[in-house]
Amino acid sequence: MFEPETNVVAFKPRKAVAHHPRSLMERIYAAGSLSVRADDRATKAAAVMLQALGFLVIEEILADGTPRRLQRGEARQAMDRPWRLSKPAFSGEIGIPDVSGAFPA
């Protein structure tokens, strides 16, 4: 008669987001700065969002190794270069880590 056929297709499970924006910001604030590979688009997308909110500073690393600070509108055009994400200068200097790794009060 009828043969039972299955129409179930096995999909690969989705990979969880590597860096939630909150954990990314906590890591940057604890260390002061964080380098990001040129091909890490997920982290860069979260960084652009956090930069727009004023929570971090993005610098692209040029071919000669010098950093260039990116303004809010420039980050999307610089996705093909490595970046350095730094804590903004709430008080003092850019990239100075928090003593306890916590957010400023």
PDB file of N, CA and C in Angstrom:
ATOM      1  N   MET A   1       0.809  -1.159   0.000  1.00  0.00           N
ATOM      2  CA  MET A   1       0.000   0.000   0.000  1.00  0.00           C
ATOM      3  C   MET A   1       0.873   1.252   0.000  1.00  0.00           C
ATOM      4  N   PHE A   2       0.685   2.099   0.971  1.00  0.00           N
ATOM      5  CA  PHE A   2       1.501   3.303   1.042  1.00  0.00           C
ATOM      6  C   PHE A   2       2.708   3.058   1.932  1.00  0.00           C
ATOM      7  N   GLU A   3       3.824   3.499   1.472  1.00  0.00           N
ATOM      8  CA  GLU A   3       5.021   3.411   2.309  1.00  0.00           C
ATOM      9  C   GLU A   3       5.182   4.735   3.047  1.00  0.00           C
ATOM     10  N   PRO A   4       5.429   4.651   4.334  1.00  0.00           N
ATOM     11  CA  PRO A   4       5.582   5.911   5.075  1.00  0.00           C
ATOM     12  C   PRO A   4       6.890   6.597   4.681  1.00  0.00           C
ATOM     13  N   GLU A   5       6.776   7.808   4.287  1.00  0.00           N
ATOM     14  CA  GLU A   5       7.953   8.608   3.953  1.00  0.00           C
ATOM     15  C   GLU A   5       8.071   9.733   4.968  1.00  0.00           C
ATOM     16  N   THR A   6       9.276  10.046   5.246  1.00  0.00           N
ATOM     17  CA  THR A   6       9.484  11.152   6.170  1.00  0.00           C
ATOM     18  C   THR A   6       9.919  12.384   5.385  1.00  0.00           C
ATOM     19  N   ASN A   7       9.371  13.480   5.704  1.00  0.00           N
ATOM     20  CA  ASN A   7       9.760  14.728   5.046  1.00  0.00           C
ATOM     21  C   ASN A   7      10.517  15.642   6.010  1.00  0.00           C
ATOM     22  N   VAL A   8      11.127  15.052   7.002  1.00  0.00           N
ATOM     23  CA  VAL A   8      11.896  15.809   7.982  1.00  0.00           C
ATOM     24  C   VAL A   8      13.308  16.004   7.453  1.00  0.00           C
ATOM     25  N   VAL A   9      13.736  17.232   7.434  1.00  0.00           N
ATOM     26  CA  VAL A   9      15.075  17.570   6.976  1.00  0.00           C
ATOM     27  C   VAL A   9      15.885  18.023   8.184  1.00  0.00           C
ATOM     28  N   ALA A  10      17.035  17.441   8.353  1.00  0.00           N
ATOM     29  CA  ALA A  10      17.885  17.812   9.489  1.00  0.00           C
ATOM     30  C   ALA A  10      18.690  19.057   9.143  1.00  0.00           C
ATOM     31  N   PHE A  11      18.503  20.099   9.912  1.00  0.00           N
ATOM     32  CA  PHE A  11      19.263  21.325   9.738  1.00  0.00           C
ATOM     33  C   PHE A  11      20.333  21.400  10.814  1.00  0.00           C
ATOM     34  N   LYS A  12      21.410  22.054  10.478  1.00  0.00           N
ATOM     35  CA  LYS A  12      22.435  22.274  11.483  1.00  0.00           C
ATOM     36  C   LYS A  12      21.877  23.258  12.512  1.00  0.00           C
ATOM     37  N   PRO A  13      22.114  23.004  13.773  1.00  0.00           N
ATOM     38  CA  PRO A  13      21.621  23.963  14.772  1.00  0.00           C
ATOM     39  C   PRO A  13      22.331  25.303  14.621  1.00  0.00           C
ATOM     40  N   ARG A  14      21.587  26.346  14.874  1.00  0.00           N
ATOM     41  CA  ARG A  14      22.175  27.677  14.783  1.00  0.00           C
ATOM     42  C   ARG A  14      23.203  27.872  15.873  1.00  0.00           C
ATOM     43  N   LYS A  15      24.250  28.518  15.508  1.00  0.00           N
ATOM     44  CA  LYS A  15      25.298  28.833  16.459  1.00  0.00           C
ATOM     45  C   LYS A  15      24.858  30.043  17.287  1.00  0.00           C
ATOM     46  N   ALA A  16      25.054  29.966  18.557  1.00  0.00           N
ATOM     47  CA  ALA A  16      24.673  31.068  19.426  1.00  0.00           C
ATOM     48  C   ALA A  16      25.539  32.285  19.121  1.00  0.00           C
ATOM     49  N   VAL A  17      25.019  33.455  19.415  1.00  0.00           N
ATOM     50  CA  VAL A  17      25.771  34.677  19.210  1.00  0.00           C
ATOM     51  C   VAL A  17      27.023  34.619  20.071  1.00  0.00           C
ATOM     52  N   ALA A  18      28.163  34.866  19.453  1.00  0.00           N
ATOM     53  CA  ALA A  18      29.426  34.733  20.170  1.00  0.00           C
ATOM     54  C   ALA A  18      29.573  35.790  21.268  1.00  0.00           C
ATOM     55  N   HIS A  19      29.194  37.012  20.959  1.00  0.00           N
ATOM     56  CA  HIS A  19      29.396  38.085  21.924  1.00  0.00           C
ATOM     57  C   HIS A  19      28.150  38.953  21.967  1.00  0.00           C
ATOM     58  N   HIS A  20      27.407  38.841  23.022  1.00  0.00           N
ATOM     59  CA  HIS A  20      26.271  39.718  23.234  1.00  0.00           C
ATOM     60  C   HIS A  20      26.828  41.119  23.489  1.00  0.00           C
ATOM     61  N   PRO A  21      26.154  42.167  23.023  1.00  0.00           N
ATOM     62  CA  PRO A  21      26.687  43.514  23.239  1.00  0.00           C
ATOM     63  C   PRO A  21      27.015  43.832  24.696  1.00  0.00           C
ATOM     64  N   ARG A  22      26.226  43.309  25.615  1.00  0.00           N
ATOM     65  CA  ARG A  22      26.496  43.598  27.027  1.00  0.00           C
ATOM     66  C   ARG A  22      27.802  42.945  27.477  1.00  0.00           C
ATOM     67  N   SER A  23      28.025  41.674  27.098  1.00  0.00           N
ATOM     68  CA  SER A  23      29.274  41.017  27.504  1.00  0.00           C
ATOM     69  C   SER A  23      30.464  41.629  26.780  1.00  0.00           C
ATOM     70  N   LEU A  24      30.255  42.081  25.550  1.00  0.00           N
ATOM     71  CA  LEU A  24      31.321  42.747  24.808  1.00  0.00           C
ATOM     72  C   LEU A  24      31.740  44.022  25.537  1.00  0.00           C
ATOM     73  N   MET A  25      30.777  44.798  25.955  1.00  0.00           N
ATOM     74  CA  MET A  25      31.072  46.034  26.664  1.00  0.00           C
ATOM     75  C   MET A  25      31.741  45.753  28.005  1.00  0.00           C
ATOM     76  N   GLU A  26      31.295  44.728  28.703  1.00  0.00           N
ATOM     77  CA  GLU A  26      31.926  44.383  29.984  1.00  0.00           C
ATOM     78  C   GLU A  26      33.378  43.982  29.797  1.00  0.00           C
ATOM     79  N   ARG A  27      33.670  43.221  28.734  1.00  0.00           N
ATOM     80  CA  ARG A  27      35.063  42.819  28.479  1.00  0.00           C
ATOM     81  C   ARG A  27      35.925  44.017  28.131  1.00  0.00           C
ATOM     82  N   ILE A  28      35.407  44.947  27.347  1.00  0.00           N
ATOM     83  CA  ILE A  28      36.181  46.139  26.970  1.00  0.00           C
ATOM     84  C   ILE A  28      36.418  47.018  28.189  1.00  0.00           C
ATOM     85  N   TYR A  29      35.403  47.205  29.014  1.00  0.00           N
ATOM     86  CA  TYR A  29      35.564  48.055  30.191  1.00  0.00           C
ATOM     87  C   TYR A  29      36.534  47.429  31.197  1.00  0.00           C
ATOM     88  N   ALA A  30      36.549  46.116  31.302  1.00  0.00           N
ATOM     89  CA  ALA A  30      37.458  45.457  32.235  1.00  0.00           C
ATOM     90  C   ALA A  30      38.898  45.519  31.750  1.00  0.00           C
ATOM     91  N   ALA A  31      39.107  45.369  30.440  1.00  0.00           N
ATOM     92  CA  ALA A  31      40.466  45.352  29.902  1.00  0.00           C
ATOM     93  C   ALA A  31      40.940  46.724  29.449  1.00  0.00           C
ATOM     94  N   GLY A  32      40.037  47.632  29.154  1.00  0.00           N
ATOM     95  CA  GLY A  32      40.413  48.943  28.640  1.00  0.00           C
ATOM     96  C   GLY A  32      40.265  49.015  27.135  1.00  0.00           C
ATOM     97  N   SER A  33      40.694  47.962  26.429  1.00  0.00           N
ATOM     98  CA  SER A  33      40.529  47.903  24.979  1.00  0.00           C
ATOM     99  C   SER A  33      40.529  46.445  24.538  1.00  0.00           C
ATOM    100  N   LEU A  34      40.070  46.222  23.315  1.00  0.00           N
ATOM    101  CA  LEU A  34      39.952  44.877  22.771  1.00  0.00           C
ATOM    102  C   LEU A  34      40.204  44.957  21.279  1.00  0.00           C
ATOM    103  N   SER A  35      41.040  44.078  20.750  1.00  0.00           N
ATOM    104  CA  SER A  35      41.263  44.056  19.302  1.00  0.00           C
ATOM    105  C   SER A  35      40.275  43.097  18.663  1.00  0.00           C
ATOM    106  N   VAL A  36      39.820  43.453  17.453  1.00  0.00           N
ATOM    107  CA  VAL A  36      38.833  42.671  16.729  1.00  0.00           C
ATOM    108  C   VAL A  36      39.390  42.351  15.349  1.00  0.00           C
ATOM    109  N   ARG A  37      39.318  41.077  14.973  1.00  0.00           N
ATOM    110  CA  ARG A  37      39.811  40.653  13.654  1.00  0.00           C
ATOM    111  C   ARG A  37      38.989  41.305  12.548  1.00  0.00           C
ATOM    112  N   ALA A  38      39.555  41.371  11.368  1.00  0.00           N
ATOM    113  CA  ALA A  38      38.876  41.996  10.235  1.00  0.00           C
ATOM    114  C   ALA A  38      37.632  41.227   9.818  1.00  0.00           C
ATOM    115  N   ASP A  39      37.597  39.912  10.016  1.00  0.00           N
ATOM    116  CA  ASP A  39      36.471  39.100   9.556  1.00  0.00           C
ATOM    117  C   ASP A  39      35.409  38.851  10.628  1.00  0.00           C
ATOM    118  N   ASP A  40      35.523  39.448  11.785  1.00  0.00           N
ATOM    119  CA  ASP A  40      34.563  39.246  12.877  1.00  0.00           C
ATOM    120  C   ASP A  40      33.430  40.261  12.763  1.00  0.00           C
ATOM    121  N   ARG A  41      32.529  40.016  11.844  1.00  0.00           N
ATOM    122  CA  ARG A  41      31.449  40.965  11.551  1.00  0.00           C
ATOM    123  C   ARG A  41      30.405  41.040  12.667  1.00  0.00           C
ATOM    124  N   ALA A  42      30.172  39.957  13.376  1.00  0.00           N
ATOM    125  CA  ALA A  42      29.179  39.975  14.448  1.00  0.00           C
ATOM    126  C   ALA A  42      29.609  40.916  15.575  1.00  0.00           C
ATOM    127  N   THR A  43      30.858  40.824  15.964  1.00  0.00           N
ATOM    128  CA  THR A  43      31.368  41.701  17.019  1.00  0.00           C
ATOM    129  C   THR A  43      31.378  43.149  16.555  1.00  0.00           C
ATOM    130  N   LYS A  44      31.731  43.361  15.285  1.00  0.00           N
ATOM    131  CA  LYS A  44      31.769  44.725  14.753  1.00  0.00           C
ATOM    132  C   LYS A  44      30.376  45.337  14.687  1.00  0.00           C
ATOM    133  N   ALA A  45      29.372  44.534  14.338  1.00  0.00           N
ATOM    134  CA  ALA A  45      28.003  45.049  14.294  1.00  0.00           C
ATOM    135  C   ALA A  45      27.546  45.484  15.683  1.00  0.00           C
ATOM    136  N   ALA A  46      27.871  44.692  16.701  1.00  0.00           N
ATOM    137  CA  ALA A  46      27.537  45.071  18.071  1.00  0.00           C
ATOM    138  C   ALA A  46      28.312  46.317  18.492  1.00  0.00           C
ATOM    139  N   ALA A  47      29.560  46.419  18.062  1.00  0.00           N
ATOM    140  CA  ALA A  47      30.386  47.571  18.411  1.00  0.00           C
ATOM    141  C   ALA A  47      29.851  48.852  17.791  1.00  0.00           C
ATOM    142  N   VAL A  48      29.367  48.772  16.551  1.00  0.00           N
ATOM    143  CA  VAL A  48      28.806  49.957  15.900  1.00  0.00           C
ATOM    144  C   VAL A  48      27.583  50.459  16.676  1.00  0.00           C
ATOM    145  N   MET A  49      26.753  49.530  17.135  1.00  0.00           N
ATOM    146  CA  MET A  49      25.577  49.905  17.923  1.00  0.00           C
ATOM    147  C   MET A  49      26.002  50.569  19.235  1.00  0.00           C
ATOM    148  N   LEU A  50      26.999  49.982  19.899  1.00  0.00           N
ATOM    149  CA  LEU A  50      27.462  50.544  21.169  1.00  0.00           C
ATOM    150  C   LEU A  50      28.158  51.887  20.977  1.00  0.00           C
ATOM    151  N   GLN A  51      28.835  52.060  19.835  1.00  0.00           N
ATOM    152  CA  GLN A  51      29.470  53.341  19.541  1.00  0.00           C
ATOM    153  C   GLN A  51      28.414  54.425  19.330  1.00  0.00           C
ATOM    154  N   ALA A  52      27.334  54.071  18.656  1.00  0.00           N
ATOM    155  CA  ALA A  52      26.263  55.043  18.417  1.00  0.00           C
ATOM    156  C   ALA A  52      25.639  55.513  19.727  1.00  0.00           C
ATOM    157  N   LEU A  53      25.640  54.652  20.725  1.00  0.00           N
ATOM    158  CA  LEU A  53      25.107  55.017  22.038  1.00  0.00           C
ATOM    159  C   LEU A  53      26.138  55.717  22.923  1.00  0.00           C
ATOM    160  N   GLY A  54      27.398  55.779  22.458  1.00  0.00           N
ATOM    161  CA  GLY A  54      28.444  56.459  23.192  1.00  0.00           C
ATOM    162  C   GLY A  54      29.144  55.608  24.232  1.00  0.00           C
ATOM    163  N   PHE A  55      28.989  54.280  24.154  1.00  0.00           N
ATOM    164  CA  PHE A  55      29.580  53.402  25.161  1.00  0.00           C
ATOM    165  C   PHE A  55      30.997  52.962  24.843  1.00  0.00           C
ATOM    166  N   LEU A  56      31.467  53.130  23.609  1.00  0.00           N
ATOM    167  CA  LEU A  56      32.846  52.757  23.291  1.00  0.00           C
ATOM    168  C   LEU A  56      33.374  53.544  22.120  1.00  0.00           C
ATOM    169  N   VAL A  57      34.694  53.476  21.938  1.00  0.00           N
ATOM    170  CA  VAL A  57      35.410  54.165  20.869  1.00  0.00           C
ATOM    171  C   VAL A  57      35.942  53.103  19.914  1.00  0.00           C
ATOM    172  N   ILE A  58      35.753  53.326  18.611  1.00  0.00           N
ATOM    173  CA  ILE A  58      36.249  52.388  17.599  1.00  0.00           C
ATOM    174  C   ILE A  58      37.398  53.042  16.850  1.00  0.00           C
ATOM    175  N   GLU A  59      38.507  52.307  16.751  1.00  0.00           N
ATOM    176  CA  GLU A  59      39.648  52.742  15.939  1.00  0.00           C
ATOM    177  C   GLU A  59      39.944  51.646  14.936  1.00  0.00           C
ATOM    178  N   GLU A  60      40.109  52.028  13.662  1.00  0.00           N
ATOM    179  CA  GLU A  60      40.523  51.035  12.675  1.00  0.00           C
ATOM    180  C   GLU A  60      42.046  51.013  12.659  1.00  0.00           C
ATOM    181  N   ILE A  61      42.607  49.838  12.441  1.00  0.00           N
ATOM    182  CA  ILE A  61      44.055  49.694  12.377  1.00  0.00           C
ATOM    183  C   ILE A  61      44.447  49.716  10.901  1.00  0.00           C
ATOM    184  N   LEU A  62      45.210  50.710  10.505  1.00  0.00           N
ATOM    185  CA  LEU A  62      45.612  50.865   9.115  1.00  0.00           C
ATOM    186  C   LEU A  62      46.702  49.870   8.750  1.00  0.00           C
ATOM    187  N   ALA A  63      47.039  49.807   7.473  1.00  0.00           N
ATOM    188  CA  ALA A  63      48.021  48.839   6.977  1.00  0.00           C
ATOM    189  C   ALA A  63      49.395  49.023   7.625  1.00  0.00           C
ATOM    190  N   ASP A  64      49.752  50.243   8.001  1.00  0.00           N
ATOM    191  CA  ASP A  64      51.057  50.472   8.636  1.00  0.00           C
ATOM    192  C   ASP A  64      51.016  50.267  10.147  1.00  0.00           C
ATOM    193  N   GLY A  65      49.845  49.869  10.685  1.00  0.00           N
ATOM    194  CA  GLY A  65      49.728  49.568  12.106  1.00  0.00           C
ATOM    195  C   GLY A  65      49.267  50.721  12.964  1.00  0.00           C
ATOM    196  N   THR A  66      49.045  51.876  12.378  1.00  0.00           N
ATOM    197  CA  THR A  66      48.593  53.016  13.165  1.00  0.00           C
ATOM    198  C   THR A  66      47.074  52.997  13.298  1.00  0.00           C
ATOM    199  N   PRO A  67      46.581  53.363  14.465  1.00  0.00           N
ATOM    200  CA  PRO A  67      45.122  53.412  14.647  1.00  0.00           C
ATOM    201  C   PRO A  67      44.553  54.741  14.162  1.00  0.00           C
ATOM    202  N   ARG A  68      43.346  54.692  13.628  1.00  0.00           N
ATOM    203  CA  ARG A  68      42.632  55.903  13.210  1.00  0.00           C
ATOM    204  C   ARG A  68      41.238  55.841  13.812  1.00  0.00           C
ATOM    205  N   ARG A  69      40.904  56.844  14.596  1.00  0.00           N
ATOM    206  CA  ARG A  69      39.605  56.855  15.271  1.00  0.00           C
ATOM    207  C   ARG A  69      38.484  57.041  14.251  1.00  0.00           C
ATOM    208  N   LEU A  70      37.475  56.197  14.352  1.00  0.00           N
ATOM    209  CA  LEU A  70      36.335  56.258  13.444  1.00  0.00           C
ATOM    210  C   LEU A  70      35.204  57.043  14.089  1.00  0.00           C
ATOM    211  N   GLN A  71      34.628  57.936  13.340  1.00  0.00           N
ATOM    212  CA  GLN A  71      33.459  58.671  13.805  1.00  0.00           C
ATOM    213  C   GLN A  71      32.230  57.795  13.633  1.00  0.00           C
ATOM    214  N   ARG A  72      31.113  58.218  14.121  1.00  0.00           N
ATOM    215  CA  ARG A  72      29.910  57.382  14.128  1.00  0.00           C
ATOM    216  C   ARG A  72      29.483  56.928  12.745  1.00  0.00           C
ATOM    217  N   GLY A  73      29.581  57.733  11.718  1.00  0.00           N
ATOM    218  CA  GLY A  73      29.140  57.338  10.385  1.00  0.00           C
ATOM    219  C   GLY A  73      30.171  56.558   9.587  1.00  0.00           C
ATOM    220  N   GLU A  74      31.410  56.551  10.017  1.00  0.00           N
ATOM    221  CA  GLU A  74      32.495  55.933   9.250  1.00  0.00           C
ATOM    222  C   GLU A  74      32.676  54.445   9.502  1.00  0.00           C
ATOM    223  N   ALA A  75      32.148  53.929  10.562  1.00  0.00           N
ATOM    224  CA  ALA A  75      32.433  52.551  10.960  1.00  0.00           C
ATOM    225  C   ALA A  75      31.944  51.534   9.933  1.00  0.00           C
ATOM    226  N   ARG A  76      30.825  51.761   9.320  1.00  0.00           N
ATOM    227  CA  ARG A  76      30.282  50.805   8.343  1.00  0.00           C
ATOM    228  C   ARG A  76      31.176  50.665   7.113  1.00  0.00           C
ATOM    229  N   GLN A  77      31.892  51.719   6.734  1.00  0.00           N
ATOM    230  CA  GLN A  77      32.776  51.647   5.570  1.00  0.00           C
ATOM    231  C   GLN A  77      34.116  51.002   5.891  1.00  0.00           C
ATOM    232  N   ALA A  78      34.443  50.811   7.152  1.00  0.00           N
ATOM    233  CA  ALA A  78      35.745  50.272   7.548  1.00  0.00           C
ATOM    234  C   ALA A  78      35.636  48.847   8.075  1.00  0.00           C
ATOM    235  N   MET A  79      34.669  48.079   7.601  1.00  0.00           N
ATOM    236  CA  MET A  79      34.458  46.717   8.105  1.00  0.00           C
ATOM    237  C   MET A  79      35.527  45.735   7.617  1.00  0.00           C
ATOM    238  N   ASP A  80      36.327  46.100   6.624  1.00  0.00           N
ATOM    239  CA  ASP A  80      37.317  45.167   6.076  1.00  0.00           C
ATOM    240  C   ASP A  80      38.674  45.264   6.756  1.00  0.00           C
ATOM    241  N   ARG A  81      38.831  46.113   7.735  1.00  0.00           N
ATOM    242  CA  ARG A  81      40.094  46.253   8.466  1.00  0.00           C
ATOM    243  C   ARG A  81      39.912  45.815   9.915  1.00  0.00           C
ATOM    244  N   PRO A  82      41.016  45.433  10.574  1.00  0.00           N
ATOM    245  CA  PRO A  82      40.924  45.128  12.011  1.00  0.00           C
ATOM    246  C   PRO A  82      40.613  46.400  12.798  1.00  0.00           C
ATOM    247  N   TRP A  83      39.971  46.211  13.933  1.00  0.00           N
ATOM    248  CA  TRP A  83      39.587  47.332  14.790  1.00  0.00           C
ATOM    249  C   TRP A  83      40.150  47.152  16.185  1.00  0.00           C
ATOM    250  N   ARG A  84      40.227  48.274  16.891  1.00  0.00           N
ATOM    251  CA  ARG A  84      40.484  48.237  18.327  1.00  0.00           C
ATOM    252  C   ARG A  84      39.317  48.968  18.981  1.00  0.00           C
ATOM    253  N   LEU A  85      38.656  48.280  19.887  1.00  0.00           N
ATOM    254  CA  LEU A  85      37.534  48.849  20.618  1.00  0.00           C
ATOM    255  C   LEU A  85      38.049  49.282  21.989  1.00  0.00           C
ATOM    256  N   SER A  86      37.770  50.512  22.372  1.00  0.00           N
ATOM    257  CA  SER A  86      38.288  51.043  23.636  1.00  0.00           C
ATOM    258  C   SER A  86      37.179  51.655  24.456  1.00  0.00           C
ATOM    259  N   LYS A  87      37.432  51.685  25.739  1.00  0.00           N
ATOM    260  CA  LYS A  87      36.527  52.341  26.683  1.00  0.00           C
ATOM    261  C   LYS A  87      36.652  53.846  26.459  1.00  0.00           C
ATOM    262  N   PRO A  88      35.536  54.560  26.373  1.00  0.00           N
ATOM    263  CA  PRO A  88      35.628  56.015  26.196  1.00  0.00           C
ATOM    264  C   PRO A  88      36.184  56.690  27.444  1.00  0.00           C
ATOM    265  N   ALA A  89      36.590  57.913  27.279  1.00  0.00           N
ATOM    266  CA  ALA A  89      37.188  58.667  28.373  1.00  0.00           C
ATOM    267  C   ALA A  89      36.102  59.377  29.169  1.00  0.00           C
ATOM    268  N   PHE A  90      35.431  58.649  30.060  1.00  0.00           N
ATOM    269  CA  PHE A  90      34.453  59.279  30.938  1.00  0.00           C
ATOM    270  C   PHE A  90      35.173  60.216  31.905  1.00  0.00           C
ATOM    271  N   SER A  91      36.291  59.738  32.392  1.00  0.00           N
ATOM    272  CA  SER A  91      37.145  60.569  33.216  1.00  0.00           C
ATOM    273  C   SER A  91      38.562  60.091  32.974  1.00  0.00           C
ATOM    274  N   GLY A  92      39.387  60.949  32.474  1.00  0.00           N
ATOM    275  CA  GLY A  92      40.761  60.553  32.209  1.00  0.00           C
ATOM    276  C   GLY A  92      41.017  60.288  30.734  1.00  0.00           C
ATOM    277  N   GLU A  93      41.636  59.155  30.445  1.00  0.00           N
ATOM    278  CA  GLU A  93      42.131  58.832  29.112  1.00  0.00           C
ATOM    279  C   GLU A  93      41.338  57.702  28.467  1.00  0.00           C
ATOM    280  N   ILE A  94      41.282  57.690  27.134  1.00  0.00           N
ATOM    281  CA  ILE A  94      40.611  56.609  26.404  1.00  0.00           C
ATOM    282  C   ILE A  94      41.367  55.303  26.649  1.00  0.00           C
ATOM    283  N   GLY A  95      40.632  54.232  26.905  1.00  0.00           N
ATOM    284  CA  GLY A  95      41.226  52.913  27.020  1.00  0.00           C
ATOM    285  C   GLY A  95      41.777  52.552  28.386  1.00  0.00           C
ATOM    286  N   ILE A  96      41.593  53.374  29.378  1.00  0.00           N
ATOM    287  CA  ILE A  96      42.048  53.044  30.729  1.00  0.00           C
ATOM    288  C   ILE A  96      40.991  52.127  31.351  1.00  0.00           C
ATOM    289  N   PRO A  97      41.377  50.910  31.764  1.00  0.00           N
ATOM    290  CA  PRO A  97      40.379  49.976  32.293  1.00  0.00           C
ATOM    291  C   PRO A  97      39.861  50.394  33.654  1.00  0.00           C
ATOM    292  N   ASP A  98      38.664  49.895  33.948  1.00  0.00           N
ATOM    293  CA  ASP A  98      38.121  50.076  35.285  1.00  0.00           C
ATOM    294  C   ASP A  98      38.900  49.198  36.248  1.00  0.00           C
ATOM    295  N   VAL A  99      39.023  49.644  37.478  1.00  0.00           N
ATOM    296  CA  VAL A  99      39.764  48.879  38.472  1.00  0.00           C
ATOM    297  C   VAL A  99      39.083  47.542  38.739  1.00  0.00           C
ATOM    298  N   SER A 100      37.761  47.563  38.898  1.00  0.00           N
ATOM    299  CA  SER A 100      37.056  46.346  39.214  1.00  0.00           C
ATOM    300  C   SER A 100      36.369  45.732  38.003  1.00  0.00           C
ATOM    301  N   GLY A 101      36.459  46.359  36.834  1.00  0.00           N
ATOM    302  CA  GLY A 101      35.798  45.837  35.653  1.00  0.00           C
ATOM    303  C   GLY A 101      34.330  46.198  35.572  1.00  0.00           C
ATOM    304  N   ALA A 102      33.860  47.043  36.450  1.00  0.00           N
ATOM    305  CA  ALA A 102      32.440  47.407  36.486  1.00  0.00           C
ATOM    306  C   ALA A 102      32.215  48.669  35.668  1.00  0.00           C
ATOM    307  N   PHE A 103      30.979  48.932  35.387  1.00  0.00           N
ATOM    308  CA  PHE A 103      30.631  50.135  34.654  1.00  0.00           C
ATOM    309  C   PHE A 103      30.744  51.347  35.569  1.00  0.00           C
ATOM    310  N   PRO A 104      31.006  52.519  35.011  1.00  0.00           N
ATOM    311  CA  PRO A 104      31.100  53.708  35.857  1.00  0.00           C
ATOM    312  C   PRO A 104      29.740  54.054  36.450  1.00  0.00           C
ATOM    313  N   ALA A 105      29.750  54.609  37.631  1.00  0.00           N
ATOM    314  CA  ALA A 105      28.489  54.935  38.313  1.00  0.00           C
ATOM    315  C   ALA A 105      27.985  56.289  37.886  1.00  0.00           C
TER     316      ALA A 105
END
